[in-house]
Amino acid sequence: MDDVKKQFRTNSFEVGILTDNVEGLMLAITQNYTIQPTNFKSLNNELKLEINLGNSLPNELLNILTSRGQVTHFVEKIPSVNDIFIQTVSQ
């Protein structure tokens, strides 16, 4: 099952970050990545984003994030078996 999930990975990450400069952070990451809002459980009131890395490496994104604030959440979004099934049937 892990091999199937790896085959369908999207290279997207859920990110939570505490920052005083949201505009500067958004400018820095939208130049290289596709972003959209997301929601996950957290005790902090951080900025929550889903970021698609495309062909970039996670460390490149982490370097940008850590230079602009405190990263509180960084998790790869792994597709569920149900998501993979729906995607496969839709195609």
Protein backbone atom coordinates (compact mmCIF):
# COMPACT_ATOMS: atom_id res chain seq x y z
CA MET A 1 0.00 0.00 0.00
CA ASP A 2 2.88 2.38 0.75
CA ASP A 3 4.25 1.90 -2.79
CA VAL A 4 0.86 2.79 -4.28
CA LYS A 5 0.64 5.91 -2.10
CA LYS A 6 4.16 6.93 -3.14
CA GLN A 7 3.16 6.59 -6.78
CA PHE A 8 0.24 8.99 -6.26
CA ARG A 9 1.96 11.50 -3.96
CA THR A 10 1.27 15.12 -4.85
CA ASN A 11 4.34 16.79 -3.31
CA SER A 12 2.02 18.96 -1.22
CA PHE A 13 2.58 19.91 2.40
CA GLU A 14 0.39 21.33 5.14
CA VAL A 15 2.27 24.18 6.76
CA GLY A 16 1.60 26.19 9.90
CA ILE A 17 3.73 29.25 10.57
CA LEU A 18 3.73 32.08 13.06
CA THR A 19 4.95 35.27 11.42
CA ASP A 20 4.72 39.02 11.93
CA ASN A 21 4.97 39.65 8.19
CA VAL A 22 2.28 37.63 6.41
CA GLU A 23 2.50 39.75 3.25
CA GLY A 24 6.26 39.27 2.93
CA LEU A 25 5.96 35.55 3.54
CA MET A 26 3.18 35.17 0.98
CA LEU A 27 5.19 37.10 -1.59
CA ALA A 28 8.24 34.89 -1.00
CA ILE A 29 6.38 31.60 -1.35
CA THR A 30 3.96 32.47 -4.16
CA GLN A 31 6.90 33.21 -6.45
CA ASN A 32 7.93 29.54 -6.43
CA TYR A 33 5.00 27.48 -5.15
CA THR A 34 1.28 26.97 -5.54
CA ILE A 35 -0.56 27.70 -2.30
CA GLN A 36 -4.05 27.47 -0.94
CA PRO A 37 -5.58 27.83 2.51
CA THR A 38 -6.06 24.67 4.56
CA ASN A 39 -7.33 23.76 7.97
CA PHE A 40 -5.87 21.41 10.57
CA LYS A 41 -6.18 21.16 14.32
CA SER A 42 -3.75 23.33 16.20
CA LEU A 43 -3.34 25.08 19.52
CA ASN A 44 -1.73 28.08 17.83
CA ASN A 45 -3.30 30.82 15.76
CA GLU A 46 -0.83 30.42 12.93
CA LEU A 47 -1.13 30.95 9.20
CA LYS A 48 -2.24 27.60 7.73
CA LEU A 49 -1.43 26.80 4.11
CA GLU A 50 -1.26 23.87 1.75
CA ILE A 51 1.80 24.32 -0.44
CA ASN A 52 2.53 22.34 -3.57
CA LEU A 53 6.27 22.12 -4.14
CA GLY A 54 6.17 21.12 -7.79
CA ASN A 55 9.70 19.85 -8.50
CA SER A 56 11.30 21.64 -5.54
CA LEU A 57 12.64 19.96 -2.43
CA PRO A 58 11.00 20.33 1.00
CA ASN A 59 14.24 21.79 2.44
CA GLU A 60 14.04 24.71 0.00
CA LEU A 61 10.57 25.59 1.29
CA LEU A 62 11.67 25.11 4.90
CA ASN A 63 14.55 27.53 4.38
CA ILE A 64 12.11 30.21 3.21
CA LEU A 65 9.66 29.51 6.03
CA THR A 66 12.21 29.46 8.84
CA SER A 67 13.74 32.71 7.64
CA ARG A 68 10.31 34.40 7.83
CA GLY A 69 8.81 32.96 11.02
CA GLN A 70 8.39 30.03 13.36
CA VAL A 71 7.25 26.80 11.69
CA THR A 72 4.70 25.05 13.91
CA HIS A 73 3.44 22.40 11.48
CA PHE A 74 5.02 20.77 8.42
CA VAL A 75 3.41 17.55 7.17
CA GLU A 76 3.35 15.93 3.75
CA LYS A 77 -0.18 15.31 2.51
CA ILE A 78 -0.32 11.62 1.68
CA PRO A 79 -3.35 10.64 -0.43
CA SER A 80 -5.75 8.19 1.15
CA VAL A 81 -6.69 4.95 -0.57
CA ASN A 82 -10.12 6.46 -1.20
CA ASP A 83 -8.56 9.55 -2.84
CA ILE A 84 -6.40 7.34 -5.05
CA PHE A 85 -9.40 5.22 -6.05
CA ILE A 86 -11.49 8.29 -6.95
CA GLN A 87 -8.63 9.81 -8.94
CA THR A 88 -8.03 6.57 -10.83
CA VAL A 89 -11.71 5.99 -11.63
CA SER A 90 -12.16 9.63 -12.70
CA GLN A 91 -9.35 9.29 -15.24
